[in-house]
Each structure stands twice: as structure tokens, then as C-alpha cells.
Amino acid sequence: VLPAHGPVYGDHKARVDQIVEHHEQRMRDVLNVVRRGPCHAYDVARAAFDFDSDAPLTVQFPATFETLAHLELLRYRGDVDHEERGGEVHYRVT
């Protein structure tokens, strides 16, 4: 396999399993943050990815977008819900 970044590798099935497990773990991390109380995606991302507002935007944006994707999948699965408050979307455990 010739990935977009990183070394060439041969066992694509093992790599797929690694990626799936990584994202399942990340969703567990995201869900654990939301269990603490309603919050918006940026706060969840900061906790799950362990960065602060001084982190480079090249860290903050991708982490927040990935967190949004995980939150929406968790919402689709019925694990979280969201509500809009004052123009902000807050996620909470169902």
C-alpha cells in the first residue's frame, strides 16, 4: 500500500482494523467527555485531543472537525443528543 503519508506497508486489512479501532476509541473518549455534562464540540475536542486554545489552528481545526464527526455518529447511534442554546450547539448524553 502506498499511503498519502507514512511508510509503504503490505497488510492493508490489519491497517483498516487499526484505523477502525482508533476511531472507536476516540468515540469512547468523546462520549466520556460528554458524560461530564453538556458541552459544544470545541470543548469536547479540547478534552478528547488534549489541546488548549494556544494550540496551532492546524491542530484545533482538524481535531474539532473529527470530534464533530464522532459526535454526529454518536447522535445517529442514539448515544448523544444535541440542542441549540444561544446560537451554540451543545451535545449531551441521552
PDB file of N, CA and C in Angstrom:
ATOM      1  N   VAL A   1       0.857  -1.168   0.000  1.00  0.00           N
ATOM      2  CA  VAL A   1       0.000   0.000   0.000  1.00  0.00           C
ATOM      3  C   VAL A   1       0.901   1.228   0.000  1.00  0.00           C
ATOM      4  N   LEU A   2       0.560   2.210  -0.827  1.00  0.00           N
ATOM      5  CA  LEU A   2       1.280   3.481  -0.888  1.00  0.00           C
ATOM      6  C   LEU A   2       0.383   4.561  -0.282  1.00  0.00           C
ATOM      7  N   PRO A   3       0.494   4.781   1.025  1.00  0.00           N
ATOM      8  CA  PRO A   3      -0.386   5.747   1.686  1.00  0.00           C
ATOM      9  C   PRO A   3      -0.020   7.191   1.326  1.00  0.00           C
ATOM     10  N   ALA A   4      -0.913   8.099   1.618  1.00  0.00           N
ATOM     11  CA  ALA A   4      -0.669   9.521   1.357  1.00  0.00           C
ATOM     12  C   ALA A   4       0.456  10.055   2.228  1.00  0.00           C
ATOM     13  N   HIS A   5       0.652   9.461   3.391  1.00  0.00           N
ATOM     14  CA  HIS A   5       1.771   9.815   4.265  1.00  0.00           C
ATOM     15  C   HIS A   5       2.178   8.579   5.043  1.00  0.00           C
ATOM     16  N   GLY A   6       3.396   8.550   5.498  1.00  0.00           N
ATOM     17  CA  GLY A   6       3.903   7.400   6.224  1.00  0.00           C
ATOM     18  C   GLY A   6       4.545   6.395   5.288  1.00  0.00           C
ATOM     19  N   PRO A   7       5.120   5.354   5.875  1.00  0.00           N
ATOM     20  CA  PRO A   7       5.842   4.366   5.064  1.00  0.00           C
ATOM     21  C   PRO A   7       4.907   3.435   4.292  1.00  0.00           C
ATOM     22  N   VAL A   8       5.458   2.837   3.280  1.00  0.00           N
ATOM     23  CA  VAL A   8       4.740   1.822   2.497  1.00  0.00           C
ATOM     24  C   VAL A   8       4.538   0.605   3.397  1.00  0.00           C
ATOM     25  N   TYR A   9       3.380  -0.068   3.259  1.00  0.00           N
ATOM     26  CA  TYR A   9       3.118  -1.274   4.034  1.00  0.00           C
ATOM     27  C   TYR A   9       2.329  -2.260   3.194  1.00  0.00           C
ATOM     28  N   GLY A  10       2.272  -3.515   3.646  1.00  0.00           N
ATOM     29  CA  GLY A  10       1.656  -4.560   2.844  1.00  0.00           C
ATOM     30  C   GLY A  10       0.325  -5.090   3.348  1.00  0.00           C
ATOM     31  N   ASP A  11       0.089  -5.041   4.638  1.00  0.00           N
ATOM     32  CA  ASP A  11      -1.116  -5.673   5.199  1.00  0.00           C
ATOM     33  C   ASP A  11      -2.224  -4.634   5.375  1.00  0.00           C
ATOM     34  N   HIS A  12      -2.958  -4.369   4.301  1.00  0.00           N
ATOM     35  CA  HIS A  12      -3.998  -3.335   4.342  1.00  0.00           C
ATOM     36  C   HIS A  12      -5.147  -3.717   5.276  1.00  0.00           C
ATOM     37  N   LYS A  13      -5.429  -4.985   5.411  1.00  0.00           N
ATOM     38  CA  LYS A  13      -6.524  -5.393   6.292  1.00  0.00           C
ATOM     39  C   LYS A  13      -6.194  -5.087   7.753  1.00  0.00           C
ATOM     40  N   ALA A  14      -4.965  -5.324   8.142  1.00  0.00           N
ATOM     41  CA  ALA A  14      -4.557  -5.006   9.512  1.00  0.00           C
ATOM     42  C   ALA A  14      -4.622  -3.505   9.739  1.00  0.00           C
ATOM     43  N   ARG A  15      -4.232  -2.727   8.742  1.00  0.00           N
ATOM     44  CA  ARG A  15      -4.268  -1.270   8.884  1.00  0.00           C
ATOM     45  C   ARG A  15      -5.704  -0.770   9.004  1.00  0.00           C
ATOM     46  N   VAL A  16      -6.605  -1.336   8.248  1.00  0.00           N
ATOM     47  CA  VAL A  16      -8.020  -0.963   8.354  1.00  0.00           C
ATOM     48  C   VAL A  16      -8.519  -1.250   9.765  1.00  0.00           C
ATOM     49  N   ASP A  17      -8.170  -2.411  10.301  1.00  0.00           N
ATOM     50  CA  ASP A  17      -8.573  -2.751  11.672  1.00  0.00           C
ATOM     51  C   ASP A  17      -8.017  -1.749  12.674  1.00  0.00           C
ATOM     52  N   GLN A  18      -6.759  -1.323  12.490  1.00  0.00           N
ATOM     53  CA  GLN A  18      -6.153  -0.329  13.374  1.00  0.00           C
ATOM     54  C   GLN A  18      -6.909   0.995  13.318  1.00  0.00           C
ATOM     55  N   ILE A  19      -7.248   1.420  12.119  1.00  0.00           N
ATOM     56  CA  ILE A  19      -7.943   2.700  11.951  1.00  0.00           C
ATOM     57  C   ILE A  19      -9.335   2.633  12.578  1.00  0.00           C
ATOM     58  N   VAL A  20     -10.049   1.552  12.353  1.00  0.00           N
ATOM     59  CA  VAL A  20     -11.388   1.393  12.930  1.00  0.00           C
ATOM     60  C   VAL A  20     -11.299   1.404  14.449  1.00  0.00           C
ATOM     61  N   GLU A  21     -10.355   0.663  15.014  1.00  0.00           N
ATOM     62  CA  GLU A  21     -10.208   0.629  16.475  1.00  0.00           C
ATOM     63  C   GLU A  21      -9.822   2.003  17.019  1.00  0.00           C
ATOM     64  N   HIS A  22      -8.960   2.713  16.312  1.00  0.00           N
ATOM     65  CA  HIS A  22      -8.577   4.065  16.739  1.00  0.00           C
ATOM     66  C   HIS A  22      -9.808   4.969  16.830  1.00  0.00           C
ATOM     67  N   HIS A  23     -10.653   4.926  15.823  1.00  0.00           N
ATOM     68  CA  HIS A  23     -11.833   5.798  15.833  1.00  0.00           C
ATOM     69  C   HIS A  23     -12.879   5.334  16.846  1.00  0.00           C
ATOM     70  N   GLU A  24     -12.981   4.053  17.077  1.00  0.00           N
ATOM     71  CA  GLU A  24     -13.888   3.569  18.128  1.00  0.00           C
ATOM     72  C   GLU A  24     -13.398   4.056  19.496  1.00  0.00           C
ATOM     73  N   GLN A  25     -12.083   4.005  19.716  1.00  0.00           N
ATOM     74  CA  GLN A  25     -11.533   4.517  20.975  1.00  0.00           C
ATOM     75  C   GLN A  25     -11.772   6.021  21.093  1.00  0.00           C
ATOM     76  N   ARG A  26     -11.583   6.740  20.003  1.00  0.00           N
ATOM     77  CA  ARG A  26     -11.801   8.186  20.023  1.00  0.00           C
ATOM     78  C   ARG A  26     -13.266   8.486  20.338  1.00  0.00           C
ATOM     79  N   MET A  27     -14.185   7.690  19.811  1.00  0.00           N
ATOM     80  CA  MET A  27     -15.608   7.914  20.128  1.00  0.00           C
ATOM     81  C   MET A  27     -15.888   7.624  21.596  1.00  0.00           C
ATOM     82  N   ARG A  28     -15.223   6.628  22.163  1.00  0.00           N
ATOM     83  CA  ARG A  28     -15.379   6.378  23.605  1.00  0.00           C
ATOM     84  C   ARG A  28     -14.848   7.573  24.399  1.00  0.00           C
ATOM     85  N   ASP A  29     -13.718   8.120  23.961  1.00  0.00           N
ATOM     86  CA  ASP A  29     -13.163   9.307  24.622  1.00  0.00           C
ATOM     87  C   ASP A  29     -14.140  10.480  24.543  1.00  0.00           C
ATOM     88  N   VAL A  30     -14.697  10.700  23.363  1.00  0.00           N
ATOM     89  CA  VAL A  30     -15.661  11.789  23.151  1.00  0.00           C
ATOM     90  C   VAL A  30     -16.881  11.582  24.034  1.00  0.00           C
ATOM     91  N   LEU A  31     -17.404  10.379  24.061  1.00  0.00           N
ATOM     92  CA  LEU A  31     -18.587  10.089  24.872  1.00  0.00           C
ATOM     93  C   LEU A  31     -18.293  10.307  26.359  1.00  0.00           C
ATOM     94  N   ASN A  32     -17.118   9.942  26.801  1.00  0.00           N
ATOM     95  CA  ASN A  32     -16.750  10.159  28.203  1.00  0.00           C
ATOM     96  C   ASN A  32     -16.700  11.637  28.556  1.00  0.00           C
ATOM     97  N   VAL A  33     -16.267  12.466  27.615  1.00  0.00           N
ATOM     98  CA  VAL A  33     -16.260  13.913  27.861  1.00  0.00           C
ATOM     99  C   VAL A  33     -17.690  14.418  27.982  1.00  0.00           C
ATOM    100  N   VAL A  34     -18.566  13.992  27.087  1.00  0.00           N
ATOM    101  CA  VAL A  34     -19.955  14.465  27.094  1.00  0.00           C
ATOM    102  C   VAL A  34     -20.685  13.965  28.353  1.00  0.00           C
ATOM    103  N   ARG A  35     -20.276  12.845  28.886  1.00  0.00           N
ATOM    104  CA  ARG A  35     -20.899  12.326  30.117  1.00  0.00           C
ATOM    105  C   ARG A  35     -20.708  13.282  31.293  1.00  0.00           C
ATOM    106  N   ARG A  36     -19.684  14.111  31.243  1.00  0.00           N
ATOM    107  CA  ARG A  36     -19.428  15.074  32.324  1.00  0.00           C
ATOM    108  C   ARG A  36     -20.455  16.198  32.357  1.00  0.00           C
ATOM    109  N   GLY A  37     -21.139  16.404  31.227  1.00  0.00           N
ATOM    110  CA  GLY A  37     -22.151  17.450  31.149  1.00  0.00           C
ATOM    111  C   GLY A  37     -22.215  18.015  29.748  1.00  0.00           C
ATOM    112  N   PRO A  38     -23.329  18.668  29.421  1.00  0.00           N
ATOM    113  CA  PRO A  38     -23.495  19.219  28.077  1.00  0.00           C
ATOM    114  C   PRO A  38     -22.358  20.170  27.706  1.00  0.00           C
ATOM    115  N   CYS A  39     -21.882  20.061  26.487  1.00  0.00           N
ATOM    116  CA  CYS A  39     -20.818  20.943  26.016  1.00  0.00           C
ATOM    117  C   CYS A  39     -20.833  20.980  24.497  1.00  0.00           C
ATOM    118  N   HIS A  40     -20.152  21.978  23.945  1.00  0.00           N
ATOM    119  CA  HIS A  40     -20.111  22.069  22.491  1.00  0.00           C
ATOM    120  C   HIS A  40     -18.879  21.348  21.958  1.00  0.00           C
ATOM    121  N   ALA A  41     -18.861  21.124  20.665  1.00  0.00           N
ATOM    122  CA  ALA A  41     -17.851  20.275  20.033  1.00  0.00           C
ATOM    123  C   ALA A  41     -16.428  20.751  20.303  1.00  0.00           C
ATOM    124  N   TYR A  42     -16.209  22.050  20.335  1.00  0.00           N
ATOM    125  CA  TYR A  42     -14.860  22.563  20.565  1.00  0.00           C
ATOM    126  C   TYR A  42     -14.355  22.149  21.946  1.00  0.00           C
ATOM    127  N   ASP A  43     -15.204  22.254  22.962  1.00  0.00           N
ATOM    128  CA  ASP A  43     -14.798  21.836  24.306  1.00  0.00           C
ATOM    129  C   ASP A  43     -14.551  20.330  24.370  1.00  0.00           C
ATOM    130  N   VAL A  44     -15.373  19.570  23.677  1.00  0.00           N
ATOM    131  CA  VAL A  44     -15.166  18.122  23.631  1.00  0.00           C
ATOM    132  C   VAL A  44     -13.827  17.829  22.954  1.00  0.00           C
ATOM    133  N   ALA A  45     -13.556  18.504  21.846  1.00  0.00           N
ATOM    134  CA  ALA A  45     -12.295  18.298  21.122  1.00  0.00           C
ATOM    135  C   ALA A  45     -11.097  18.639  21.999  1.00  0.00           C
ATOM    136  N   ARG A  46     -11.176  19.757  22.721  1.00  0.00           N
ATOM    137  CA  ARG A  46     -10.059  20.156  23.590  1.00  0.00           C
ATOM    138  C   ARG A  46      -9.770  19.085  24.629  1.00  0.00           C
ATOM    139  N   ALA A  47     -10.806  18.504  25.197  1.00  0.00           N
ATOM    140  CA  ALA A  47     -10.614  17.467  26.213  1.00  0.00           C
ATOM    141  C   ALA A  47     -10.155  16.144  25.590  1.00  0.00           C
ATOM    142  N   ALA A  48     -10.809  15.729  24.515  1.00  0.00           N
ATOM    143  CA  ALA A  48     -10.509  14.427  23.904  1.00  0.00           C
ATOM    144  C   ALA A  48      -9.132  14.411  23.232  1.00  0.00           C
ATOM    145  N   PHE A  49      -8.745  15.544  22.638  1.00  0.00           N
ATOM    146  CA  PHE A  49      -7.459  15.615  21.937  1.00  0.00           C
ATOM    147  C   PHE A  49      -6.379  16.284  22.778  1.00  0.00           C
ATOM    148  N   ASP A  50      -6.733  16.732  23.968  1.00  0.00           N
ATOM    149  CA  ASP A  50      -5.792  17.301  24.920  1.00  0.00           C
ATOM    150  C   ASP A  50      -4.989  18.475  24.331  1.00  0.00           C
ATOM    151  N   PHE A  51      -5.715  19.518  23.921  1.00  0.00           N
ATOM    152  CA  PHE A  51      -5.063  20.748  23.489  1.00  0.00           C
ATOM    153  C   PHE A  51      -5.762  21.929  24.141  1.00  0.00           C
ATOM    154  N   ASP A  52      -5.120  23.079  24.139  1.00  0.00           N
ATOM    155  CA  ASP A  52      -5.750  24.284  24.674  1.00  0.00           C
ATOM    156  C   ASP A  52      -5.872  25.327  23.569  1.00  0.00           C
ATOM    157  N   SER A  53      -6.424  26.468  23.915  1.00  0.00           N
ATOM    158  CA  SER A  53      -6.697  27.486  22.899  1.00  0.00           C
ATOM    159  C   SER A  53      -5.426  28.097  22.324  1.00  0.00           C
ATOM    160  N   ASP A  54      -4.272  27.825  22.925  1.00  0.00           N
ATOM    161  CA  ASP A  54      -2.998  28.295  22.384  1.00  0.00           C
ATOM    162  C   ASP A  54      -2.419  27.341  21.341  1.00  0.00           C
ATOM    163  N   ALA A  55      -3.021  26.184  21.180  1.00  0.00           N
ATOM    164  CA  ALA A  55      -2.531  25.211  20.194  1.00  0.00           C
ATOM    165  C   ALA A  55      -2.665  25.796  18.790  1.00  0.00           C
ATOM    166  N   PRO A  56      -1.809  25.389  17.868  1.00  0.00           N
ATOM    167  CA  PRO A  56      -1.916  25.885  16.495  1.00  0.00           C
ATOM    168  C   PRO A  56      -3.276  25.528  15.882  1.00  0.00           C
ATOM    169  N   LEU A  57      -3.744  26.380  15.007  1.00  0.00           N
ATOM    170  CA  LEU A  57      -5.016  26.110  14.332  1.00  0.00           C
ATOM    171  C   LEU A  57      -4.956  24.824  13.523  1.00  0.00           C
ATOM    172  N   THR A  58      -3.760  24.449  13.087  1.00  0.00           N
ATOM    173  CA  THR A  58      -3.604  23.189  12.348  1.00  0.00           C
ATOM    174  C   THR A  58      -3.862  21.977  13.231  1.00  0.00           C
ATOM    175  N   VAL A  59      -3.914  22.176  14.531  1.00  0.00           N
ATOM    176  CA  VAL A  59      -4.319  21.134  15.486  1.00  0.00           C
ATOM    177  C   VAL A  59      -5.788  21.313  15.840  1.00  0.00           C
ATOM    178  N   GLN A  60      -6.180  22.549  16.149  1.00  0.00           N
ATOM    179  CA  GLN A  60      -7.538  22.813  16.628  1.00  0.00           C
ATOM    180  C   GLN A  60      -8.616  22.481  15.595  1.00  0.00           C
ATOM    181  N   PHE A  61      -8.438  22.929  14.349  1.00  0.00           N
ATOM    182  CA  PHE A  61      -9.481  22.709  13.337  1.00  0.00           C
ATOM    183  C   PHE A  61      -9.701  21.230  13.033  1.00  0.00           C
ATOM    184  N   PRO A  62      -8.653  20.472  12.669  1.00  0.00           N
ATOM    185  CA  PRO A  62      -8.910  19.055  12.379  1.00  0.00           C
ATOM    186  C   PRO A  62      -9.470  18.296  13.578  1.00  0.00           C
ATOM    187  N   ALA A  63      -8.983  18.603  14.777  1.00  0.00           N
ATOM    188  CA  ALA A  63      -9.485  17.911  15.971  1.00  0.00           C
ATOM    189  C   ALA A  63     -10.962  18.220  16.196  1.00  0.00           C
ATOM    190  N   THR A  64     -11.347  19.467  15.987  1.00  0.00           N
ATOM    191  CA  THR A  64     -12.746  19.848  16.184  1.00  0.00           C
ATOM    192  C   THR A  64     -13.638  19.224  15.114  1.00  0.00           C
ATOM    193  N   PHE A  65     -13.180  19.196  13.868  1.00  0.00           N
ATOM    194  CA  PHE A  65     -13.983  18.586  12.802  1.00  0.00           C
ATOM    195  C   PHE A  65     -14.117  17.084  13.010  1.00  0.00           C
ATOM    196  N   GLU A  66     -13.030  16.427  13.436  1.00  0.00           N
ATOM    197  CA  GLU A  66     -13.125  14.993  13.721  1.00  0.00           C
ATOM    198  C   GLU A  66     -14.078  14.748  14.891  1.00  0.00           C
ATOM    199  N   THR A  67     -14.008  15.608  15.895  1.00  0.00           N
ATOM    200  CA  THR A  67     -14.911  15.486  17.038  1.00  0.00           C
ATOM    201  C   THR A  67     -16.358  15.649  16.609  1.00  0.00           C
ATOM    202  N   LEU A  68     -16.625  16.614  15.750  1.00  0.00           N
ATOM    203  CA  LEU A  68     -17.994  16.785  15.229  1.00  0.00           C
ATOM    204  C   LEU A  68     -18.477  15.526  14.523  1.00  0.00           C
ATOM    205  N   ALA A  69     -17.610  14.925  13.725  1.00  0.00           N
ATOM    206  CA  ALA A  69     -17.989  13.694  13.026  1.00  0.00           C
ATOM    207  C   ALA A  69     -18.317  12.593  14.031  1.00  0.00           C
ATOM    208  N   HIS A  70     -17.497  12.461  15.068  1.00  0.00           N
ATOM    209  CA  HIS A  70     -17.761  11.437  16.083  1.00  0.00           C
ATOM    210  C   HIS A  70     -19.042  11.738  16.860  1.00  0.00           C
ATOM    211  N   LEU A  71     -19.249  12.999  17.192  1.00  0.00           N
ATOM    212  CA  LEU A  71     -20.477  13.373  17.906  1.00  0.00           C
ATOM    213  C   LEU A  71     -21.711  13.079  17.066  1.00  0.00           C
ATOM    214  N   GLU A  72     -21.654  13.375  15.788  1.00  0.00           N
ATOM    215  CA  GLU A  72     -22.810  13.115  14.927  1.00  0.00           C
ATOM    216  C   GLU A  72     -23.052  11.617  14.749  1.00  0.00           C
ATOM    217  N   LEU A  73     -21.977  10.833  14.690  1.00  0.00           N
ATOM    218  CA  LEU A  73     -22.173   9.377  14.628  1.00  0.00           C
ATOM    219  C   LEU A  73     -22.762   8.870  15.946  1.00  0.00           C
ATOM    220  N   LEU A  74     -22.283   9.382  17.056  1.00  0.00           N
ATOM    221  CA  LEU A  74     -22.859   9.007  18.353  1.00  0.00           C
ATOM    222  C   LEU A  74     -24.325   9.434  18.443  1.00  0.00           C
ATOM    223  N   ARG A  75     -24.654  10.576  17.857  1.00  0.00           N
ATOM    224  CA  ARG A  75     -26.051  11.029  17.832  1.00  0.00           C
ATOM    225  C   ARG A  75     -26.881  10.090  16.965  1.00  0.00           C
ATOM    226  N   TYR A  76     -26.348   9.695  15.816  1.00  0.00           N
ATOM    227  CA  TYR A  76     -27.033   8.753  14.928  1.00  0.00           C
ATOM    228  C   TYR A  76     -27.270   7.419  15.638  1.00  0.00           C
ATOM    229  N   ARG A  77     -26.303   6.991  16.429  1.00  0.00           N
ATOM    230  CA  ARG A  77     -26.422   5.730  17.177  1.00  0.00           C
ATOM    231  C   ARG A  77     -27.342   5.851  18.384  1.00  0.00           C
ATOM    232  N   GLY A  78     -27.706   7.077  18.757  1.00  0.00           N
ATOM    233  CA  GLY A  78     -28.612   7.286  19.876  1.00  0.00           C
ATOM    234  C   GLY A  78     -27.915   7.463  21.216  1.00  0.00           C
ATOM    235  N   ASP A  79     -26.595   7.622  21.206  1.00  0.00           N
ATOM    236  CA  ASP A  79     -25.847   7.768  22.453  1.00  0.00           C
ATOM    237  C   ASP A  79     -25.820   9.196  22.972  1.00  0.00           C
ATOM    238  N   VAL A  80     -25.901  10.166  22.080  1.00  0.00           N
ATOM    239  CA  VAL A  80     -25.935  11.571  22.475  1.00  0.00           C
ATOM    240  C   VAL A  80     -27.046  12.275  21.715  1.00  0.00           C
ATOM    241  N   ASP A  81     -27.415  13.429  22.219  1.00  0.00           N
ATOM    242  CA  ASP A  81     -28.386  14.299  21.570  1.00  0.00           C
ATOM    243  C   ASP A  81     -27.784  15.693  21.599  1.00  0.00           C
ATOM    244  N   HIS A  82     -28.429  16.618  20.930  1.00  0.00           N
ATOM    245  CA  HIS A  82     -27.915  17.985  20.963  1.00  0.00           C
ATOM    246  C   HIS A  82     -29.066  18.973  20.990  1.00  0.00           C
ATOM    247  N   GLU A  83     -28.752  20.167  21.455  1.00  0.00           N
ATOM    248  CA  GLU A  83     -29.721  21.249  21.450  1.00  0.00           C
ATOM    249  C   GLU A  83     -28.981  22.549  21.180  1.00  0.00           C
ATOM    250  N   GLU A  84     -29.687  23.492  20.588  1.00  0.00           N
ATOM    251  CA  GLU A  84     -29.091  24.788  20.318  1.00  0.00           C
ATOM    252  C   GLU A  84     -29.452  25.743  21.444  1.00  0.00           C
ATOM    253  N   ARG A  85     -28.427  26.408  21.970  1.00  0.00           N
ATOM    254  CA  ARG A  85     -28.621  27.396  23.031  1.00  0.00           C
ATOM    255  C   ARG A  85     -27.825  28.642  22.670  1.00  0.00           C
ATOM    256  N   GLY A  86     -28.513  29.730  22.488  1.00  0.00           N
ATOM    257  CA  GLY A  86     -27.828  30.984  22.218  1.00  0.00           C
ATOM    258  C   GLY A  86     -26.927  30.933  21.005  1.00  0.00           C
ATOM    259  N   GLY A  87     -27.339  30.220  19.977  1.00  0.00           N
ATOM    260  CA  GLY A  87     -26.547  30.115  18.764  1.00  0.00           C
ATOM    261  C   GLY A  87     -25.445  29.078  18.813  1.00  0.00           C
ATOM    262  N   GLU A  88     -25.344  28.329  19.913  1.00  0.00           N
ATOM    263  CA  GLU A  88     -24.340  27.276  20.040  1.00  0.00           C
ATOM    264  C   GLU A  88     -25.041  25.927  20.159  1.00  0.00           C
ATOM    265  N   VAL A  89     -24.433  24.905  19.576  1.00  0.00           N
ATOM    266  CA  VAL A  89     -24.966  23.551  19.669  1.00  0.00           C
ATOM    267  C   VAL A  89     -24.248  22.844  20.809  1.00  0.00           C
ATOM    268  N   HIS A  90     -25.022  22.339  21.759  1.00  0.00           N
ATOM    269  CA  HIS A  90     -24.477  21.617  22.912  1.00  0.00           C
ATOM    270  C   HIS A  90     -24.903  20.159  22.808  1.00  0.00           C
ATOM    271  N   TYR A  91     -23.955  19.276  23.010  1.00  0.00           N
ATOM    272  CA  TYR A  91     -24.210  17.833  22.993  1.00  0.00           C
ATOM    273  C   TYR A  91     -24.336  17.339  24.421  1.00  0.00           C
ATOM    274  N   ARG A  92     -25.184  16.323  24.599  1.00  0.00           N
ATOM    275  CA  ARG A  92     -25.364  15.710  25.911  1.00  0.00           C
ATOM    276  C   ARG A  92     -25.679  14.227  25.716  1.00  0.00           C
ATOM    277  N   VAL A  93     -25.412  13.452  26.745  1.00  0.00           N
ATOM    278  CA  VAL A  93     -25.694  12.027  26.707  1.00  0.00           C
ATOM    279  C   VAL A  93     -27.207  11.826  26.773  1.00  0.00           C
ATOM    280  N   THR A  94     -27.713  10.876  26.015  1.00  0.00           N
ATOM    281  CA  THR A  94     -29.157  10.607  26.028  1.00  0.00           C
ATOM    282  C   THR A  94     -29.514   9.687  27.180  1.00  0.00           C
TER     283      THR A  94
END
